[in-house]
Amino acid sequence: MGIEVRTLGAAELADGADAFGLDATTLLEPLLLVDLGGIDAATAAAAAARIPALGGPVVGFCSGGIAAELAPLTAALDLTYAEAADPADRAVVVTGDPERAVAEFADCVRRYPQASSFAAQVVRASEGLPVPAAIDVESFAYSTLQGGPEFGRWLAERRALGRPLPPPPGADPVLLATAGDTLRITLNRPERRNAYGTALRDALVDALRTALLAGAFGSIVLDGAGAAFCSGGDLDEFGHTPDTATAHQIRTRGGAARLMARLGERTEVRLHGHCVGAGIEISAFAGHVAAAPDTVIRLPEVAMGLIPGAGGTVSVPRRIGRWRSLHLFVTGVALGPQRALEWGLVDEIVGAHPN
């Protein structure tokens, strides 16, 4: 399964050319790479008006800076790469080589066209929704991709490794401690790098429900034991839910995302080491996120034929915007604490984790 990739000027997009139809075999709309160089405000506005009718990802690039009059266009695009932009403009990823960056993005889309297209569609669709509804939209798309060929290939390769299901935890997978009106929740499966598997997920959900129902806690602190805060979903458990409908119910009603969103401003998360997939997706709902200097953030799900499924298409865009979020989702690039701070994915960089 492939996807057409087309490069065009913003004026061509503004002219409303009708050459952006579905591929007759894959039913995928093309990835459009739009050169933003040398256009005026009127062209930018006309091009921006065309984008909502397009179903495939539409990504801009500009060798140079993004002028203020291009703001309506960059806001309408799914993502823009440029050499310079207002640091507060969340629609732009600044890079020293925009043409190379957009080519690398396109390569990722070519490898995983369904997952990449779904990611762009989901963050567009859920941008203005209430959090619970947006989490449902994410999960509907995730369940759909679970039945697709891209995830099927990933899962077949994973199962060929012959790895067993994870063993039961040897200790409580989540630890609780109180001090005054503060509840401290510690992810406690360091032997699995605190992977968000069934045992840890269920224990974390119980802890978050306790925090909500008790009503006595003015603040909740979430951290992780061992070398990593959370390595994301436990890959050895993937593909073992009975069916995709049940998987949707587990993700949305049995997962931590809705609860974290409700606790919101009362919650502080302390990241360290690897913070992958669900590790950052759930954390990004918190009111305050602190990161140790060794924190490494990644969202690798698109390369598995999926999209973030623990609330990440909701929590991450509401911190850094849907544009930079799509960059992280599709490329799977690692993000260090300094850039995470600049973008707003974390709120402060703190001292090293005691581990």
Protein backbone atom coordinates (compact mmCIF):
# COMPACT_ATOMS: atom_id res chain seq x y z
CA MET A 1 0.00 0.00 0.00
CA GLY A 2 1.44 3.36 -1.05
CA ILE A 3 0.56 7.02 -0.98
CA GLU A 4 1.18 9.66 -3.62
CA VAL A 5 3.43 12.52 -2.53
CA ARG A 6 3.11 15.78 -4.44
CA THR A 7 5.12 18.98 -4.12
CA LEU A 8 3.43 22.17 -5.23
CA GLY A 9 3.50 25.90 -4.71
CA ALA A 10 1.02 27.70 -2.49
CA ALA A 11 -0.37 29.45 -5.58
CA GLU A 12 -1.24 26.07 -7.13
CA LEU A 13 -3.07 25.12 -3.97
CA ALA A 14 -4.86 28.48 -3.92
CA ASP A 15 -5.95 28.05 -7.54
CA GLY A 16 -8.02 25.05 -6.52
CA ALA A 17 -6.56 22.46 -8.85
CA ASP A 18 -8.63 19.27 -8.81
CA ALA A 19 -5.69 16.88 -9.04
CA PHE A 20 -5.75 15.88 -5.38
CA GLY A 21 -8.21 12.99 -5.58
CA LEU A 22 -8.17 9.55 -4.03
CA ASP A 23 -5.82 6.84 -5.16
CA ALA A 24 -8.10 4.33 -6.87
CA THR A 25 -6.37 1.36 -5.23
CA THR A 26 -5.55 2.52 -1.70
CA LEU A 27 -8.32 5.16 -1.31
CA LEU A 28 -5.70 7.40 0.30
CA GLU A 29 -5.56 11.08 -0.54
CA PRO A 30 -2.07 12.33 -1.40
CA LEU A 31 0.42 13.91 0.94
CA LEU A 32 0.83 17.48 -0.27
CA LEU A 33 4.10 19.31 0.37
CA VAL A 34 3.51 23.02 -0.11
CA ASP A 35 6.35 25.45 -0.81
CA LEU A 36 5.54 28.68 1.05
CA GLY A 37 8.30 30.75 -0.51
CA GLY A 38 7.50 34.09 -2.11
CA ILE A 39 3.75 34.25 -1.56
CA ASP A 40 1.63 37.21 -0.52
CA ALA A 41 -1.15 37.48 2.05
CA ALA A 42 -3.96 37.06 -0.51
CA THR A 43 -2.45 33.84 -1.88
CA ALA A 44 -1.88 32.55 1.63
CA ALA A 45 -5.51 33.21 2.57
CA ALA A 46 -6.81 31.54 -0.60
CA ALA A 47 -4.63 28.49 -0.05
CA ALA A 48 -5.72 28.27 3.59
CA ALA A 49 -9.36 28.22 2.52
CA ARG A 50 -8.70 25.14 0.37
CA ILE A 51 -7.17 22.98 3.07
CA PRO A 52 -10.27 21.96 5.09
CA ALA A 53 -11.60 20.10 2.03
CA LEU A 54 -8.44 18.00 1.73
CA GLY A 55 -8.32 14.67 3.55
CA GLY A 56 -4.65 13.84 3.26
CA PRO A 57 -1.83 15.48 5.22
CA VAL A 58 -0.84 18.94 3.94
CA VAL A 59 2.61 20.08 5.08
CA GLY A 60 4.32 23.38 4.34
CA PHE A 61 7.99 24.20 4.09
CA CYS A 62 9.85 27.47 3.75
CA SER A 63 13.53 28.23 3.21
CA GLY A 64 13.71 31.27 5.40
CA GLY A 65 11.42 32.74 8.02
CA ILE A 66 7.63 32.65 8.26
CA ALA A 67 6.21 36.15 7.71
CA ALA A 68 3.30 37.27 9.86
CA GLU A 69 0.94 37.41 6.87
CA LEU A 70 1.36 33.64 6.39
CA ALA A 71 -0.18 32.89 9.80
CA PRO A 72 -3.65 31.96 8.42
CA LEU A 73 -2.02 29.45 6.08
CA THR A 74 0.35 27.86 8.58
CA ALA A 75 -2.57 27.56 11.02
CA ALA A 76 -4.61 25.72 8.38
CA LEU A 77 -1.78 23.39 7.35
CA ASP A 78 -1.09 20.21 9.30
CA LEU A 79 2.52 21.27 9.92
CA THR A 80 5.15 23.66 8.55
CA TYR A 81 8.94 23.38 8.55
CA ALA A 82 10.89 26.65 8.32
CA GLU A 83 14.29 28.09 9.13
CA ALA A 84 12.84 30.72 11.45
CA ALA A 85 9.53 31.62 13.07
CA ASP A 86 8.07 33.29 16.12
CA PRO A 87 8.92 30.89 18.99
CA ALA A 88 5.31 31.18 20.14
CA ASP A 89 4.00 29.94 16.76
CA ARG A 90 3.10 26.34 17.51
CA ALA A 91 2.26 25.64 13.85
CA VAL A 92 5.94 25.73 12.83
CA VAL A 93 8.85 23.41 13.53
CA VAL A 94 12.06 25.39 13.14
CA THR A 95 14.91 23.51 11.46
CA GLY A 96 18.14 24.40 9.75
CA ASP A 97 17.13 22.53 6.59
CA PRO A 98 13.36 22.67 5.91
CA GLU A 99 13.61 20.78 2.61
CA ARG A 100 15.41 17.89 4.26
CA ALA A 101 12.96 17.90 7.18
CA VAL A 102 9.92 17.75 4.90
CA ALA A 103 11.56 14.99 2.85
CA GLU A 104 12.16 12.94 6.00
CA PHE A 105 8.54 13.49 7.05
CA ALA A 106 7.40 12.33 3.61
CA ASP A 107 9.55 9.20 3.89
CA CYS A 108 7.83 8.32 7.17
CA VAL A 109 4.42 8.83 5.57
CA ARG A 110 5.39 6.59 2.66
CA ARG A 111 6.31 3.81 5.07
CA TYR A 112 3.12 4.11 7.15
CA PRO A 113 0.57 5.94 4.99
CA GLN A 114 -2.58 4.81 6.81
CA ALA A 115 -1.31 5.52 10.31
CA SER A 116 0.17 8.87 9.25
CA SER A 117 -3.04 9.94 7.51
CA PHE A 118 -5.14 8.86 10.49
CA ALA A 119 -2.89 10.83 12.84
CA ALA A 120 -3.38 14.01 10.82
CA GLN A 121 -7.13 13.48 10.58
CA VAL A 122 -7.55 12.74 14.28
CA VAL A 123 -5.67 15.77 15.57
CA ARG A 124 -7.62 17.98 13.18
CA ALA A 125 -10.98 16.51 14.17
CA SER A 126 -10.43 16.46 17.92
CA GLU A 127 -8.81 19.89 18.29
CA GLY A 128 -11.98 21.62 19.52
CA LEU A 129 -13.71 18.69 21.21
CA PRO A 130 -14.11 18.22 24.97
CA VAL A 131 -11.43 15.90 26.34
CA PRO A 132 -13.64 12.80 26.85
CA ALA A 133 -15.05 13.04 23.32
CA ALA A 134 -11.58 13.61 21.86
CA ILE A 135 -10.25 10.53 23.67
CA ASP A 136 -13.07 8.51 22.12
CA VAL A 137 -12.20 9.79 18.63
CA GLU A 138 -8.58 8.79 19.17
CA SER A 139 -9.60 5.31 20.30
CA PHE A 140 -12.03 4.77 17.41
CA ALA A 141 -9.17 5.48 15.01
CA TYR A 142 -6.76 3.31 16.99
CA SER A 143 -9.16 0.35 16.93
CA THR A 144 -9.59 0.80 13.18
CA LEU A 145 -5.82 0.71 12.65
CA GLN A 146 -5.54 -2.42 14.80
CA GLY A 147 -7.35 -4.19 11.96
CA GLY A 148 -5.13 -2.67 9.27
CA PRO A 149 -2.18 -4.07 7.33
CA GLU A 150 0.46 -1.76 8.81
CA PHE A 151 -0.16 -2.86 12.38
CA GLY A 152 -0.62 -6.43 11.13
CA ARG A 153 2.91 -6.43 9.70
CA TRP A 154 4.38 -4.97 12.89
CA LEU A 155 2.55 -7.50 15.05
CA ALA A 156 3.63 -10.44 12.86
CA GLU A 157 7.27 -9.36 13.16
CA ARG A 158 6.87 -8.98 16.91
CA ARG A 159 5.28 -12.39 17.36
CA ALA A 160 8.02 -13.99 15.27
CA LEU A 161 10.38 -13.13 18.14
CA GLY A 162 8.55 -15.72 20.24
CA ARG A 163 8.39 -13.55 23.35
CA PRO A 164 6.02 -14.70 26.13
CA LEU A 165 3.48 -12.56 27.92
CA PRO A 166 4.98 -10.55 30.79
CA PRO A 167 5.19 -12.35 34.13
CA PRO A 168 2.98 -11.15 36.98
CA PRO A 169 4.56 -8.32 38.97
CA GLY A 170 6.66 -9.43 41.92
CA ALA A 171 5.67 -6.38 43.94
CA ASP A 172 2.91 -3.79 43.91
CA PRO A 173 3.06 -2.24 40.41
CA VAL A 174 2.08 1.16 41.82
CA LEU A 175 3.04 2.52 45.24
CA LEU A 176 1.02 5.08 47.20
CA ALA A 177 2.28 7.39 49.92
CA THR A 178 0.70 10.39 51.61
CA ALA A 179 2.17 13.48 53.23
CA GLY A 180 -0.37 16.00 54.43
CA ASP A 181 -2.78 16.64 51.57
CA THR A 182 -0.36 15.26 48.95
CA LEU A 183 -0.78 11.81 47.42
CA ARG A 184 2.34 10.40 45.83
CA ILE A 185 1.86 7.73 43.16
CA THR A 186 4.97 5.85 42.01
CA LEU A 187 5.06 3.53 39.00
CA ASN A 188 6.85 0.49 40.35
CA ARG A 189 7.75 -2.03 37.66
CA PRO A 190 11.38 -1.01 37.09
CA GLU A 191 12.22 -4.47 35.77
CA ARG A 192 9.96 -3.62 32.79
CA ARG A 193 10.95 0.05 32.72
CA ASN A 194 7.48 0.83 34.11
CA ALA A 195 5.81 -0.26 30.88
CA TYR A 196 2.12 0.64 30.74
CA GLY A 197 0.95 -2.96 30.71
CA THR A 198 -2.22 -4.41 32.16
CA ALA A 199 -1.02 -4.75 35.75
CA LEU A 200 0.50 -1.29 35.97
CA ARG A 201 -2.38 0.34 34.09
CA ASP A 202 -5.03 -1.16 36.37
CA ALA A 203 -3.10 -0.22 39.50
CA LEU A 204 -2.56 3.33 38.25
CA VAL A 205 -6.25 3.68 37.41
CA ASP A 206 -7.16 2.50 40.92
CA ALA A 207 -4.76 5.06 42.41
CA LEU A 208 -6.16 7.90 40.31
CA ARG A 209 -9.72 6.91 41.21
CA THR A 210 -8.69 6.98 44.86
CA ALA A 211 -7.36 10.51 44.38
CA LEU A 212 -10.63 11.61 42.78
CA LEU A 213 -13.00 9.93 45.20
CA ALA A 214 -11.16 10.72 48.40
CA GLY A 215 -11.39 14.46 47.84
CA ALA A 216 -8.84 15.05 50.58
CA PHE A 217 -5.81 15.48 48.36
CA GLY A 218 -4.92 18.96 47.23
CA SER A 219 -2.07 17.69 45.10
CA ILE A 220 -1.03 14.46 43.43
CA VAL A 221 2.58 13.70 42.46
CA LEU A 222 3.26 10.97 39.90
CA ASP A 223 6.76 9.60 39.41
CA GLY A 224 8.49 6.35 38.47
CA ALA A 225 10.92 3.97 40.15
CA GLY A 226 14.03 2.77 38.37
CA ALA A 227 15.93 4.06 35.36
CA ALA A 228 12.89 5.09 33.29
CA PHE A 229 9.69 6.93 34.14
CA CYS A 230 7.65 4.83 31.70
CA SER A 231 8.66 3.03 28.51
CA GLY A 232 5.14 3.12 27.05
CA GLY A 233 2.79 0.23 26.36
CA ASP A 234 4.16 -3.21 27.13
CA LEU A 235 4.90 -4.50 23.63
CA ASP A 236 4.70 -8.13 24.76
CA GLU A 237 0.99 -7.60 25.48
CA PHE A 238 0.10 -6.08 22.10
CA GLY A 239 -2.44 -8.01 20.06
CA HIS A 240 -3.83 -10.00 23.00
CA THR A 241 -7.14 -8.20 23.65
CA PRO A 242 -10.15 -10.30 22.58
CA ASP A 243 -11.30 -7.87 19.87
CA THR A 244 -10.96 -4.23 18.84
CA ALA A 245 -14.32 -3.19 20.34
CA THR A 246 -13.28 -4.48 23.75
CA ALA A 247 -9.89 -2.84 23.30
CA HIS A 248 -11.67 0.49 22.75
CA GLN A 249 -13.61 0.11 25.99
CA ILE A 250 -10.44 -0.78 27.91
CA ARG A 251 -8.50 2.20 26.51
CA THR A 252 -11.22 4.78 27.11
CA ARG A 253 -13.08 3.53 30.21
CA GLY A 254 -10.38 1.39 31.79
CA GLY A 255 -7.39 3.59 31.04
CA ALA A 256 -5.78 6.48 32.88
CA ALA A 257 -6.32 9.31 30.38
CA ARG A 258 -9.78 10.51 31.46
CA LEU A 259 -8.86 10.36 35.13
CA MET A 260 -5.63 12.31 34.62
CA ALA A 261 -7.53 14.93 32.65
CA ARG A 262 -10.05 15.30 35.49
CA LEU A 263 -7.32 15.63 38.10
CA GLY A 264 -5.55 18.11 35.82
CA GLU A 265 -4.27 21.11 37.73
CA ARG A 266 -3.87 19.18 40.98
CA THR A 267 -1.33 16.83 39.42
CA GLU A 268 2.44 17.12 39.03
CA VAL A 269 4.37 14.53 37.01
CA ARG A 270 8.11 14.06 37.43
CA LEU A 271 9.73 12.56 34.34
CA HIS A 272 13.14 10.96 34.04
CA GLY A 273 14.91 8.63 31.65
CA HIS A 274 12.83 7.19 28.85
CA CYS A 275 9.33 8.60 28.62
CA VAL A 276 7.77 6.84 25.66
CA GLY A 277 4.26 6.61 24.25
CA ALA A 278 1.76 6.31 27.09
CA GLY A 279 4.45 7.64 29.43
CA ILE A 280 4.16 11.14 27.97
CA GLU A 281 0.57 10.84 26.72
CA ILE A 282 -0.87 10.41 30.21
CA SER A 283 1.62 12.81 31.78
CA ALA A 284 0.75 15.65 29.41
CA PHE A 285 -2.71 15.91 30.98
CA ALA A 286 -1.11 17.03 34.26
CA GLY A 287 -1.12 20.61 35.41
CA HIS A 288 2.65 20.59 35.89
CA VAL A 289 5.28 18.40 34.24
CA ALA A 290 8.86 18.44 35.48
CA ALA A 291 11.65 16.68 33.59
CA ALA A 292 15.07 15.52 34.78
CA PRO A 293 18.02 16.31 32.48
CA ASP A 294 18.15 12.71 31.20
CA THR A 295 14.53 12.68 30.03
CA VAL A 296 13.97 11.38 26.50
CA ILE A 297 10.46 11.68 25.04
CA ARG A 298 9.26 9.65 22.05
CA LEU A 299 5.92 8.79 20.46
CA PRO A 300 6.67 5.77 18.23
CA GLU A 301 3.17 4.43 17.53
CA VAL A 302 2.91 5.44 13.85
CA ALA A 303 5.90 3.23 13.10
CA MET A 304 3.85 0.37 14.56
CA GLY A 305 0.97 1.14 12.20
CA LEU A 306 -1.00 2.86 14.96
CA ILE A 307 -1.47 6.30 16.49
CA PRO A 308 -1.00 7.29 20.13
CA GLY A 309 -3.70 5.43 22.04
CA ALA A 310 -3.38 6.48 25.69
CA GLY A 311 -4.76 9.97 25.16
CA GLY A 312 -1.74 11.42 23.37
CA THR A 313 -3.60 12.87 20.38
CA VAL A 314 -5.53 14.91 22.96
CA SER A 315 -3.04 15.76 25.72
CA VAL A 316 0.05 16.49 23.63
CA PRO A 317 -1.64 18.86 21.11
CA ARG A 318 -3.27 20.79 23.96
CA ARG A 319 0.21 21.51 25.26
CA ILE A 320 2.22 22.05 22.06
CA GLY A 321 -0.35 22.37 19.27
CA ARG A 322 -1.55 19.80 16.74
CA TRP A 323 1.18 20.79 14.25
CA ARG A 324 4.25 19.98 16.35
CA SER A 325 2.39 16.98 17.74
CA LEU A 326 1.96 15.57 14.23
CA HIS A 327 5.70 16.05 13.66
CA LEU A 328 6.43 13.97 16.76
CA PHE A 329 3.82 11.32 15.92
CA VAL A 330 4.82 10.71 12.30
CA THR A 331 8.60 10.98 12.60
CA GLY A 332 8.90 9.36 16.03
CA VAL A 333 11.84 11.69 16.68
CA ALA A 334 13.26 11.85 20.21
CA LEU A 335 12.68 15.07 22.13
CA GLY A 336 15.04 16.17 24.88
CA PRO A 337 14.04 18.19 27.92
CA GLN A 338 15.22 21.56 26.61
CA ARG A 339 13.13 21.51 23.45
CA ALA A 340 10.24 19.96 25.36
CA LEU A 341 10.44 22.96 27.69
CA GLU A 342 10.61 25.44 24.81
CA TRP A 343 7.55 23.88 23.20
CA GLY A 344 5.60 23.58 26.46
CA LEU A 345 5.45 19.79 26.69
CA VAL A 346 7.19 20.10 30.06
CA ASP A 347 7.03 23.04 32.44
CA GLU A 348 10.46 22.90 34.08
CA ILE A 349 13.75 21.04 34.07
CA VAL A 350 14.75 19.84 37.51
CA GLY A 351 17.71 18.02 39.06
CA ALA A 352 18.65 14.45 38.30
CA HIS A 353 16.34 11.67 39.44
CA PRO A 354 17.68 9.92 42.59
CA ASN A 355 17.91 6.62 40.69
